[in-house]
């Protein structure tokens, strides 16, 4: 089980180390294969302009969930990082589903293709049953379970997806070659953990 100390670091350091972690929420879950990091100095972050009722969970304490609705349609799950009072978090973009497949398929309208079940933050939240009720919940207690799993020998890095601001920041991390990514990474060298994140912070 990952504890709060794991998350009490910059989001761009935590994000690559989440690749390979097993995330289970209730009766369903899988292996985290793709993440994105955001902090309050980042123009793409919800916390760039300070705290609001919507983003308050992102300001801490670390080790809690921040859940928001994207474009009024999809829920997105984030893990709050850093220190309390500083707004940063890791967006969970995709998992490789391994547990509760029937439950997840039912939640996703009976989708048959397992590769599309949790490949993207909106799909992932729908499959795992995540909504606003999960906002601010601690990650080290039920219904969340976060456990160490198999680690990739390296982590792929790249720019984040679908941004108009901060689009050049390479704070997207993933399991190289995974068939469960929301989007493939460009054919660039992968880097070891945590050097990828430390390079991005320079």
Protein backbone atom coordinates (compact mmCIF):
# COMPACT_ATOMS: atom_id res chain seq x y z
CA UNK A 1 0.00 0.00 0.00
CA UNK A 2 1.35 3.43 -0.94
CA UNK A 3 1.32 5.84 1.98
CA UNK A 4 0.95 9.62 2.15
CA UNK A 5 4.74 10.08 2.24
CA UNK A 6 4.92 8.64 -1.28
CA UNK A 7 2.73 11.50 -2.53
CA UNK A 8 4.43 14.23 -0.47
CA UNK A 9 6.75 15.09 -3.38
CA UNK A 10 6.46 17.11 -6.56
CA UNK A 11 3.84 15.69 -8.93
CA UNK A 12 6.37 15.27 -11.74
CA UNK A 13 8.43 12.99 -9.50
CA UNK A 14 5.45 10.95 -8.36
CA UNK A 15 3.87 10.55 -11.81
CA UNK A 16 6.50 8.26 -13.40
CA UNK A 17 6.75 6.18 -10.23
CA UNK A 18 3.04 5.42 -10.44
CA UNK A 19 3.59 3.51 -13.68
CA UNK A 20 3.19 -0.15 -12.77
CA UNK A 21 1.29 0.53 -9.53
CA UNK A 22 -1.88 -1.55 -9.14
CA UNK A 23 -4.93 0.67 -8.61
CA UNK A 24 -8.12 -0.95 -7.33
CA UNK A 25 -11.29 0.91 -6.45
CA UNK A 26 -13.86 -1.31 -4.85
CA UNK A 27 -14.26 -4.38 -7.02
CA UNK A 28 -12.38 -3.26 -10.12
CA UNK A 29 -8.97 -2.04 -11.15
CA UNK A 30 -5.71 -2.66 -12.93
CA UNK A 31 -2.14 -1.54 -13.59
CA UNK A 32 -1.49 2.17 -14.05
CA UNK A 33 0.15 2.61 -17.48
CA UNK A 34 -0.18 6.35 -18.14
CA UNK A 35 -0.10 9.52 -16.03
CA UNK A 36 0.31 13.29 -16.36
CA UNK A 37 1.71 15.75 -13.82
CA UNK A 38 0.45 19.29 -13.07
CA UNK A 39 1.54 21.96 -10.59
CA UNK A 40 0.39 25.48 -9.75
CA UNK A 41 3.15 27.18 -11.79
CA UNK A 42 1.86 25.35 -14.86
CA UNK A 43 -0.58 27.37 -17.03
CA UNK A 44 -2.35 24.12 -17.94
CA UNK A 45 -3.09 23.33 -14.29
CA UNK A 46 -6.43 23.96 -12.60
CA UNK A 47 -4.51 25.61 -9.74
CA UNK A 48 -2.62 28.13 -11.87
CA UNK A 49 -4.96 30.97 -10.82
CA UNK A 50 -5.26 29.92 -7.18
CA UNK A 51 -7.80 28.01 -5.12
CA UNK A 52 -11.49 27.81 -6.00
CA UNK A 53 -14.32 25.64 -4.63
CA UNK A 54 -13.79 23.31 -7.59
CA UNK A 55 -10.03 22.76 -7.24
CA UNK A 56 -9.63 23.00 -3.46
CA UNK A 57 -8.76 19.31 -3.08
CA UNK A 58 -5.73 19.81 -5.32
CA UNK A 59 -4.16 22.07 -2.68
CA UNK A 60 -3.76 19.18 -0.30
CA UNK A 61 -3.15 17.40 1.83
CA UNK A 62 -1.21 14.99 -0.39
CA UNK A 63 -2.38 11.42 -0.75
CA UNK A 64 -5.99 12.32 -1.48
CA UNK A 65 -8.12 12.17 -4.63
CA UNK A 66 -9.01 15.20 -6.72
CA UNK A 67 -11.94 14.45 -9.02
CA UNK A 68 -13.33 16.91 -11.55
CA UNK A 69 -15.61 16.83 -14.58
CA UNK A 70 -13.91 17.58 -17.89
CA UNK A 71 -15.90 19.68 -20.36
CA UNK A 72 -19.03 18.86 -18.38
CA UNK A 73 -18.94 15.27 -19.65
CA UNK A 74 -16.24 13.00 -18.19
CA UNK A 75 -14.95 12.57 -14.65
CA UNK A 76 -11.17 12.60 -14.19
CA UNK A 77 -9.21 11.09 -11.30
CA UNK A 78 -6.10 12.78 -9.91
CA UNK A 79 -3.80 11.96 -7.01
CA UNK A 80 -2.87 15.05 -4.97
CA UNK A 81 0.88 15.49 -4.42
CA UNK A 82 3.40 17.87 -2.87
CA UNK A 83 2.75 19.79 0.32
CA UNK A 84 -0.51 21.10 1.68
CA UNK A 85 -1.30 24.56 0.36
CA UNK A 86 0.51 24.08 -2.97
CA UNK A 87 -1.76 22.90 -5.77
CA UNK A 88 -0.38 19.93 -7.69
CA UNK A 89 -1.55 16.48 -8.68
CA UNK A 90 -1.11 13.55 -11.04
CA UNK A 91 -3.85 12.76 -13.54
CA UNK A 92 -4.40 9.02 -14.00
CA UNK A 93 -4.83 8.69 -17.76
CA UNK A 94 -4.99 4.93 -18.33
CA UNK A 95 -4.80 1.54 -16.67
CA UNK A 96 -4.45 -1.99 -17.96
CA UNK A 97 -7.63 -3.59 -16.57
CA UNK A 98 -6.99 -6.79 -14.64
CA UNK A 99 -9.77 -7.10 -12.06
CA UNK A 100 -13.54 -6.78 -12.26
CA UNK A 101 -13.64 -6.84 -16.06
CA UNK A 102 -17.33 -7.76 -16.19
CA UNK A 103 -18.22 -4.93 -13.82
CA UNK A 104 -16.16 -2.44 -15.82
CA UNK A 105 -17.65 -3.57 -19.12
CA UNK A 106 -21.15 -3.14 -17.71
CA UNK A 107 -20.34 0.37 -16.50
CA UNK A 108 -18.92 1.17 -19.93
CA UNK A 109 -22.06 0.09 -21.75
CA UNK A 110 -20.96 -3.42 -22.62
CA UNK A 111 -17.81 -2.48 -24.55
CA UNK A 112 -16.05 -5.61 -25.80
CA UNK A 113 -12.58 -4.28 -26.64
CA UNK A 114 -10.54 -4.53 -23.44
CA UNK A 115 -7.97 -2.09 -24.84
CA UNK A 116 -10.58 0.68 -24.88
CA UNK A 117 -12.03 -0.11 -21.48
CA UNK A 118 -9.80 2.22 -19.42
CA UNK A 119 -7.65 3.98 -22.05
CA UNK A 120 -8.27 7.61 -21.21
CA UNK A 121 -9.20 9.46 -18.02
CA UNK A 122 -12.92 9.61 -18.78
CA UNK A 123 -13.17 5.96 -19.77
CA UNK A 124 -11.14 4.98 -16.72
CA UNK A 125 -13.42 6.81 -14.31
CA UNK A 126 -16.54 5.40 -15.91
CA UNK A 127 -15.16 1.86 -15.72
CA UNK A 128 -14.08 2.26 -12.09
CA UNK A 129 -17.29 4.02 -11.03
CA UNK A 130 -15.49 7.24 -10.04
CA UNK A 131 -17.49 10.46 -9.74
CA UNK A 132 -17.58 13.61 -7.60
CA UNK A 133 -18.29 11.53 -4.48
CA UNK A 134 -14.64 10.40 -4.59
CA UNK A 135 -13.25 13.95 -4.45
CA UNK A 136 -11.01 14.51 -1.38
CA UNK A 137 -11.11 10.86 -0.30
CA UNK A 138 -7.81 9.52 1.13
CA UNK A 139 -5.95 7.16 -1.17
CA UNK A 140 -4.69 4.92 1.64
CA UNK A 141 -8.13 3.76 2.77
CA UNK A 142 -11.01 1.93 1.10
CA UNK A 143 -12.46 2.10 -1.50
CA UNK A 144 -8.96 2.86 -2.86
CA UNK A 145 -6.20 0.29 -2.84
CA UNK A 146 -2.79 1.19 -4.26
CA UNK A 147 -0.15 -1.52 -4.27
CA UNK A 148 3.29 -1.92 -5.79
CA UNK A 149 3.29 -4.04 -8.92
CA UNK A 150 5.67 -5.03 -11.69
CA UNK A 151 7.82 -2.12 -12.81
CA UNK A 152 8.76 -1.33 -16.39
CA UNK A 153 12.53 -1.18 -16.98
CA UNK A 154 12.02 2.37 -18.18
CA UNK A 155 9.22 4.91 -18.50
CA UNK A 156 8.19 6.69 -21.70
CA UNK A 157 7.92 10.48 -21.51
CA UNK A 158 6.26 13.03 -23.74
CA UNK A 159 4.10 16.15 -23.87
CA UNK A 160 0.67 16.06 -22.35
CA UNK A 161 -2.51 15.47 -24.33
CA UNK A 162 -5.10 17.98 -25.52
CA UNK A 163 -3.61 21.17 -24.07
CA UNK A 164 -3.46 24.69 -25.48
CA UNK A 165 -1.36 26.08 -22.61
CA UNK A 166 1.79 24.44 -21.27
CA UNK A 167 1.65 22.03 -24.20
CA UNK A 168 5.44 21.85 -24.47
CA UNK A 169 5.98 20.46 -20.96
CA UNK A 170 6.98 16.79 -21.11
CA UNK A 171 5.08 15.67 -18.02
CA UNK A 172 3.24 12.74 -19.57
CA UNK A 173 4.56 9.34 -18.52
CA UNK A 174 3.73 5.81 -19.60
CA UNK A 175 4.58 2.16 -19.90
CA UNK A 176 6.51 1.87 -23.19
CA UNK A 177 4.64 -0.15 -25.79
CA UNK A 178 1.57 -0.77 -23.65
CA UNK A 179 -1.54 -1.56 -25.68
CA UNK A 180 -3.66 0.15 -23.02
CA UNK A 181 -2.33 3.71 -23.41
CA UNK A 182 -4.79 6.45 -24.31
CA UNK A 183 -2.34 7.61 -26.96
CA UNK A 184 0.98 6.24 -28.14
CA UNK A 185 4.19 8.01 -27.24
CA UNK A 186 6.40 9.30 -30.06
CA UNK A 187 9.36 7.07 -30.99
CA UNK A 188 11.88 8.73 -28.69
CA UNK A 189 14.21 7.10 -26.15
CA UNK A 190 12.60 6.15 -22.87
CA UNK A 191 14.21 7.13 -19.60
CA UNK A 192 14.66 5.43 -16.27
CA UNK A 193 12.70 6.37 -13.18
CA UNK A 194 12.93 8.89 -11.61
CA UNK A 195 15.41 10.63 -13.93
CA UNK A 196 12.67 11.43 -16.45
CA UNK A 197 10.82 13.54 -13.94
CA UNK A 198 13.93 15.17 -12.53
CA UNK A 199 14.98 16.21 -16.04
CA UNK A 200 11.52 17.69 -16.63
CA UNK A 201 11.80 19.79 -13.46
CA UNK A 202 15.01 21.53 -14.51
